[in-house]
Amino acid sequence: DLAGLATDGDQATFWRTSTYRSQLSSFKSGVGLVVEASGIPKQIALTTDTPGFTAEVRAGDSPQGPFETVGGSQVIAGSTATWDLDSTDARYYVIWITQLVGSAHLNEVKAN
């Protein structure tokens, strides 16, 4: 129900993951936020106020998946990250967080 806060254009609002006391990968393969793109994006851009997690971008034709990786894994070290997407014409994209201790905020996600 907070997913819309990651695409509302307001850097002060965000979608938040659950909080993990130990490494997320100890419990599950990841956690993510699905966004719907209009058109065919060439990039996904992310803004966060909680750097230090690892994420990749996955794409699919349904919000329930299945999804395939189209933007490789990267450590989000600063407040922004950008993925150049592998060739895809998918409608739905997932910011898939694979490594995390604590919680992560996705303040803005844009498909460009």
N, C-alpha and C. Protein backbone atom coordinates (compact mmCIF):
# COMPACT_ATOMS: atom_id res chain seq x y z
N ASP A 1 0.81 -1.20 0.00
CA ASP A 1 0.00 0.00 0.00
C ASP A 1 0.85 1.27 0.00
N LEU A 2 2.17 1.14 0.22
CA LEU A 2 3.06 2.30 0.18
C LEU A 2 3.82 2.40 -1.14
N ALA A 3 3.57 1.48 -2.06
CA ALA A 3 4.32 1.43 -3.31
C ALA A 3 4.24 2.74 -4.09
N GLY A 4 3.10 3.39 -4.10
CA GLY A 4 2.93 4.64 -4.83
C GLY A 4 3.83 5.76 -4.36
N LEU A 5 4.33 5.67 -3.14
CA LEU A 5 5.21 6.71 -2.61
C LEU A 5 6.57 6.71 -3.30
N ALA A 6 6.93 5.61 -3.96
CA ALA A 6 8.21 5.53 -4.68
C ALA A 6 8.13 6.12 -6.08
N THR A 7 6.94 6.51 -6.50
CA THR A 7 6.77 7.07 -7.85
C THR A 7 5.94 8.35 -7.84
N ASP A 8 5.80 8.98 -6.68
CA ASP A 8 4.94 10.16 -6.56
C ASP A 8 5.62 11.49 -6.87
N GLY A 9 6.92 11.46 -7.18
CA GLY A 9 7.65 12.68 -7.50
C GLY A 9 8.12 13.46 -6.29
N ASP A 10 7.90 12.94 -5.10
CA ASP A 10 8.29 13.62 -3.86
C ASP A 10 9.44 12.85 -3.21
N GLN A 11 10.63 13.45 -3.19
CA GLN A 11 11.81 12.80 -2.63
C GLN A 11 11.69 12.53 -1.13
N ALA A 12 10.78 13.20 -0.46
CA ALA A 12 10.62 13.03 0.99
C ALA A 12 9.79 11.80 1.36
N THR A 13 9.08 11.23 0.39
CA THR A 13 8.27 10.04 0.67
C THR A 13 8.99 8.82 0.10
N PHE A 14 8.62 7.62 0.58
CA PHE A 14 9.33 6.42 0.13
C PHE A 14 8.53 5.16 0.41
N TRP A 15 8.88 4.11 -0.36
CA TRP A 15 8.46 2.75 -0.05
C TRP A 15 9.57 2.15 0.78
N ARG A 16 9.22 1.41 1.82
CA ARG A 16 10.20 0.84 2.74
C ARG A 16 10.10 -0.68 2.76
N THR A 17 11.25 -1.34 2.79
CA THR A 17 11.27 -2.78 3.00
C THR A 17 10.97 -3.08 4.47
N SER A 18 10.75 -4.34 4.76
CA SER A 18 10.73 -4.77 6.16
C SER A 18 12.13 -4.56 6.72
N THR A 19 12.26 -4.62 8.02
CA THR A 19 13.57 -4.48 8.66
C THR A 19 14.13 -5.87 8.96
N TYR A 20 15.39 -6.08 8.57
CA TYR A 20 16.07 -7.36 8.75
C TYR A 20 17.23 -7.17 9.72
N ARG A 21 17.27 -7.96 10.78
CA ARG A 21 18.33 -7.84 11.79
C ARG A 21 19.62 -8.51 11.35
N SER A 22 19.52 -9.45 10.43
CA SER A 22 20.70 -10.06 9.84
C SER A 22 20.51 -10.05 8.33
N GLN A 23 21.50 -10.50 7.59
CA GLN A 23 21.50 -10.40 6.13
C GLN A 23 20.22 -11.00 5.53
N LEU A 24 19.55 -10.24 4.71
CA LEU A 24 18.32 -10.64 4.02
C LEU A 24 18.47 -12.00 3.36
N SER A 25 19.60 -12.24 2.69
CA SER A 25 19.80 -13.48 1.95
C SER A 25 19.81 -14.72 2.85
N SER A 26 19.91 -14.53 4.15
CA SER A 26 19.81 -15.66 5.08
C SER A 26 18.38 -16.17 5.17
N PHE A 27 17.41 -15.33 4.81
CA PHE A 27 16.00 -15.67 4.93
C PHE A 27 15.32 -15.95 3.59
N LYS A 28 15.67 -15.15 2.57
CA LYS A 28 15.03 -15.29 1.27
C LYS A 28 15.92 -14.67 0.20
N SER A 29 15.60 -14.93 -1.07
CA SER A 29 16.46 -14.50 -2.18
C SER A 29 16.42 -13.00 -2.43
N GLY A 30 15.41 -12.33 -1.91
CA GLY A 30 15.33 -10.89 -2.09
C GLY A 30 13.94 -10.37 -1.78
N VAL A 31 13.82 -9.06 -1.92
CA VAL A 31 12.56 -8.36 -1.72
C VAL A 31 12.54 -7.22 -2.72
N GLY A 32 11.36 -6.89 -3.24
CA GLY A 32 11.37 -5.85 -4.25
C GLY A 32 10.08 -5.09 -4.42
N LEU A 33 10.19 -4.09 -5.25
CA LEU A 33 9.08 -3.21 -5.58
C LEU A 33 8.83 -3.27 -7.08
N VAL A 34 7.60 -3.56 -7.47
CA VAL A 34 7.22 -3.61 -8.88
C VAL A 34 6.69 -2.25 -9.31
N VAL A 35 7.20 -1.75 -10.44
CA VAL A 35 6.68 -0.51 -11.03
C VAL A 35 6.26 -0.78 -12.47
N GLU A 36 5.24 -0.08 -12.91
CA GLU A 36 4.75 -0.21 -14.28
C GLU A 36 5.33 0.93 -15.11
N ALA A 37 5.87 0.57 -16.26
CA ALA A 37 6.46 1.58 -17.16
C ALA A 37 5.47 1.94 -18.25
N SER A 38 5.52 3.19 -18.67
CA SER A 38 4.77 3.59 -19.85
C SER A 38 5.80 3.69 -20.97
N GLY A 39 5.57 3.00 -22.06
CA GLY A 39 6.56 2.95 -23.12
C GLY A 39 7.63 1.92 -22.82
N ILE A 40 8.73 2.01 -23.53
CA ILE A 40 9.84 1.07 -23.36
C ILE A 40 11.03 1.83 -22.80
N PRO A 41 11.29 1.69 -21.52
CA PRO A 41 12.39 2.45 -20.92
C PRO A 41 13.76 1.89 -21.31
N LYS A 42 14.74 2.77 -21.34
CA LYS A 42 16.12 2.38 -21.58
C LYS A 42 16.91 2.34 -20.28
N GLN A 43 16.35 3.00 -19.25
CA GLN A 43 17.01 3.06 -17.95
C GLN A 43 15.98 3.02 -16.83
N ILE A 44 16.44 2.55 -15.69
CA ILE A 44 15.70 2.68 -14.44
C ILE A 44 16.60 3.48 -13.51
N ALA A 45 16.05 4.53 -12.91
CA ALA A 45 16.80 5.37 -11.98
C ALA A 45 16.15 5.27 -10.60
N LEU A 46 16.98 5.22 -9.58
CA LEU A 46 16.54 5.07 -8.21
C LEU A 46 17.16 6.14 -7.34
N THR A 47 16.36 6.70 -6.44
CA THR A 47 16.85 7.61 -5.41
C THR A 47 16.51 7.00 -4.06
N THR A 48 17.48 7.05 -3.14
CA THR A 48 17.27 6.49 -1.80
C THR A 48 17.95 7.36 -0.75
N ASP A 49 17.42 7.32 0.45
CA ASP A 49 18.09 7.98 1.57
C ASP A 49 18.68 6.94 2.53
N THR A 50 18.76 5.68 2.08
CA THR A 50 19.33 4.59 2.89
C THR A 50 20.30 3.76 2.05
N PRO A 51 21.41 4.33 1.57
CA PRO A 51 22.35 3.55 0.76
C PRO A 51 22.95 2.40 1.57
N GLY A 52 23.58 1.47 0.84
CA GLY A 52 24.25 0.35 1.49
C GLY A 52 23.64 -0.99 1.18
N PHE A 53 22.62 -1.04 0.35
CA PHE A 53 22.03 -2.30 -0.04
C PHE A 53 22.45 -2.66 -1.46
N THR A 54 22.20 -3.90 -1.85
CA THR A 54 22.52 -4.37 -3.20
C THR A 54 21.21 -4.67 -3.92
N ALA A 55 21.11 -4.23 -5.18
CA ALA A 55 19.87 -4.43 -5.93
C ALA A 55 20.18 -4.68 -7.40
N GLU A 56 19.20 -5.23 -8.08
CA GLU A 56 19.23 -5.42 -9.53
C GLU A 56 17.85 -5.08 -10.06
N VAL A 57 17.71 -5.01 -11.37
CA VAL A 57 16.41 -4.74 -11.99
C VAL A 57 15.99 -5.97 -12.78
N ARG A 58 14.75 -6.37 -12.58
CA ARG A 58 14.16 -7.49 -13.30
C ARG A 58 12.94 -6.98 -14.05
N ALA A 59 12.57 -7.67 -15.14
CA ALA A 59 11.45 -7.23 -15.98
C ALA A 59 10.53 -8.40 -16.30
N GLY A 60 9.25 -8.07 -16.52
CA GLY A 60 8.27 -9.08 -16.90
C GLY A 60 7.03 -8.45 -17.50
N ASP A 61 6.15 -9.29 -18.03
CA ASP A 61 4.94 -8.81 -18.68
C ASP A 61 3.72 -8.76 -17.77
N SER A 62 3.88 -9.21 -16.53
CA SER A 62 2.80 -9.21 -15.56
C SER A 62 3.35 -8.71 -14.21
N PRO A 63 2.55 -8.01 -13.43
CA PRO A 63 3.05 -7.56 -12.13
C PRO A 63 3.36 -8.71 -11.17
N GLN A 64 2.85 -9.91 -11.47
CA GLN A 64 3.14 -11.08 -10.64
C GLN A 64 4.33 -11.88 -11.16
N GLY A 65 4.90 -11.47 -12.29
CA GLY A 65 6.03 -12.20 -12.87
C GLY A 65 5.56 -13.26 -13.83
N PRO A 66 6.44 -14.07 -14.32
CA PRO A 66 7.84 -14.18 -13.91
C PRO A 66 8.66 -12.99 -14.41
N PHE A 67 9.81 -12.78 -13.75
CA PHE A 67 10.70 -11.68 -14.08
C PHE A 67 12.08 -12.22 -14.44
N GLU A 68 12.75 -11.53 -15.36
CA GLU A 68 14.13 -11.88 -15.71
C GLU A 68 15.02 -10.66 -15.47
N THR A 69 16.26 -10.91 -15.12
CA THR A 69 17.19 -9.82 -14.83
C THR A 69 17.54 -9.07 -16.11
N VAL A 70 17.36 -7.75 -16.09
CA VAL A 70 17.69 -6.90 -17.25
C VAL A 70 18.64 -5.77 -16.87
N GLY A 71 18.95 -5.66 -15.59
CA GLY A 71 19.89 -4.66 -15.08
C GLY A 71 20.67 -5.29 -13.95
N GLY A 72 21.97 -5.45 -14.14
CA GLY A 72 22.81 -6.22 -13.24
C GLY A 72 22.87 -5.69 -11.82
N SER A 73 23.34 -6.55 -10.94
CA SER A 73 23.46 -6.26 -9.53
C SER A 73 24.47 -5.15 -9.27
N GLN A 74 24.11 -4.25 -8.38
CA GLN A 74 25.05 -3.20 -7.96
C GLN A 74 24.79 -2.81 -6.51
N VAL A 75 25.87 -2.46 -5.84
CA VAL A 75 25.76 -1.94 -4.48
C VAL A 75 25.35 -0.48 -4.58
N ILE A 76 24.30 -0.11 -3.89
CA ILE A 76 23.83 1.27 -3.90
C ILE A 76 24.62 2.00 -2.83
N ALA A 77 25.68 2.68 -3.26
CA ALA A 77 26.63 3.30 -2.34
C ALA A 77 26.27 4.75 -2.02
N GLY A 78 25.54 5.40 -2.90
CA GLY A 78 25.17 6.79 -2.69
C GLY A 78 23.66 6.95 -2.71
N SER A 79 23.21 8.15 -2.96
CA SER A 79 21.77 8.43 -2.93
C SER A 79 21.06 8.11 -4.24
N THR A 80 21.83 7.84 -5.31
CA THR A 80 21.20 7.53 -6.59
C THR A 80 21.88 6.32 -7.24
N ALA A 81 21.13 5.65 -8.08
CA ALA A 81 21.65 4.54 -8.88
C ALA A 81 20.88 4.51 -10.19
N THR A 82 21.56 4.11 -11.24
CA THR A 82 20.92 4.01 -12.56
C THR A 82 21.33 2.68 -13.19
N TRP A 83 20.36 2.03 -13.81
CA TRP A 83 20.62 0.81 -14.56
C TRP A 83 20.29 1.06 -16.02
N ASP A 84 21.25 0.80 -16.91
CA ASP A 84 20.97 0.74 -18.33
C ASP A 84 20.39 -0.64 -18.57
N LEU A 85 19.22 -0.70 -19.16
CA LEU A 85 18.51 -1.97 -19.29
C LEU A 85 18.95 -2.75 -20.51
N ASP A 86 19.07 -4.07 -20.32
CA ASP A 86 19.27 -4.96 -21.46
C ASP A 86 18.01 -4.85 -22.33
N SER A 87 18.12 -5.20 -23.56
CA SER A 87 17.00 -5.10 -24.50
C SER A 87 15.77 -5.85 -23.97
N THR A 88 14.69 -5.11 -23.75
CA THR A 88 13.44 -5.69 -23.29
C THR A 88 12.29 -4.75 -23.64
N ASP A 89 11.14 -5.31 -23.86
CA ASP A 89 9.95 -4.47 -24.08
C ASP A 89 8.90 -4.77 -23.01
N ALA A 90 9.35 -5.16 -21.84
CA ALA A 90 8.45 -5.49 -20.73
C ALA A 90 7.70 -4.27 -20.24
N ARG A 91 6.61 -4.51 -19.57
CA ARG A 91 5.80 -3.43 -19.02
C ARG A 91 6.05 -3.22 -17.53
N TYR A 92 6.50 -4.27 -16.83
CA TYR A 92 6.69 -4.21 -15.39
C TYR A 92 8.16 -4.44 -15.04
N TYR A 93 8.64 -3.67 -14.06
CA TYR A 93 10.03 -3.74 -13.63
C TYR A 93 10.07 -3.85 -12.11
N VAL A 94 11.00 -4.64 -11.62
CA VAL A 94 11.16 -4.84 -10.18
C VAL A 94 12.54 -4.36 -9.77
N ILE A 95 12.58 -3.49 -8.78
CA ILE A 95 13.84 -3.20 -8.10
C ILE A 95 13.96 -4.33 -7.08
N TRP A 96 14.87 -5.27 -7.34
CA TRP A 96 14.99 -6.48 -6.54
C TRP A 96 16.21 -6.35 -5.63
N ILE A 97 15.96 -6.21 -4.35
CA ILE A 97 17.01 -6.02 -3.35
C ILE A 97 17.45 -7.40 -2.87
N THR A 98 18.75 -7.68 -3.04
CA THR A 98 19.27 -9.01 -2.73
C THR A 98 20.16 -9.06 -1.50
N GLN A 99 20.75 -7.95 -1.12
CA GLN A 99 21.61 -7.89 0.05
C GLN A 99 21.20 -6.67 0.88
N LEU A 100 20.88 -6.92 2.15
CA LEU A 100 20.37 -5.84 2.99
C LEU A 100 20.42 -6.27 4.45
N VAL A 101 20.93 -5.40 5.29
CA VAL A 101 20.79 -5.53 6.74
C VAL A 101 20.10 -4.25 7.19
N GLY A 102 19.06 -4.36 7.96
CA GLY A 102 18.26 -3.20 8.32
C GLY A 102 17.10 -3.07 7.35
N SER A 103 16.84 -1.86 6.88
CA SER A 103 15.77 -1.65 5.90
C SER A 103 16.26 -0.69 4.83
N ALA A 104 15.56 -0.68 3.72
CA ALA A 104 15.89 0.22 2.62
C ALA A 104 14.67 1.05 2.26
N HIS A 105 14.92 2.30 1.88
CA HIS A 105 13.88 3.19 1.38
C HIS A 105 14.10 3.40 -0.11
N LEU A 106 13.07 3.24 -0.91
CA LEU A 106 13.11 3.63 -2.32
C LEU A 106 12.30 4.91 -2.40
N ASN A 107 13.00 6.05 -2.42
CA ASN A 107 12.32 7.35 -2.41
C ASN A 107 11.69 7.66 -3.75
N GLU A 108 12.38 7.37 -4.83
CA GLU A 108 11.84 7.57 -6.18
C GLU A 108 12.41 6.53 -7.11
N VAL A 109 11.56 5.96 -7.93
CA VAL A 109 11.96 5.03 -8.99
C VAL A 109 11.36 5.57 -10.28
N LYS A 110 12.21 5.74 -11.29
CA LYS A 110 11.75 6.26 -12.58
C LYS A 110 12.23 5.36 -13.71
N ALA A 111 11.33 5.06 -14.62
CA ALA A 111 11.66 4.32 -15.83
C ALA A 111 11.77 5.34 -16.95
N ASN A 112 12.99 5.54 -17.48
CA ASN A 112 13.22 6.55 -18.51
C ASN A 112 13.46 5.91 -19.86
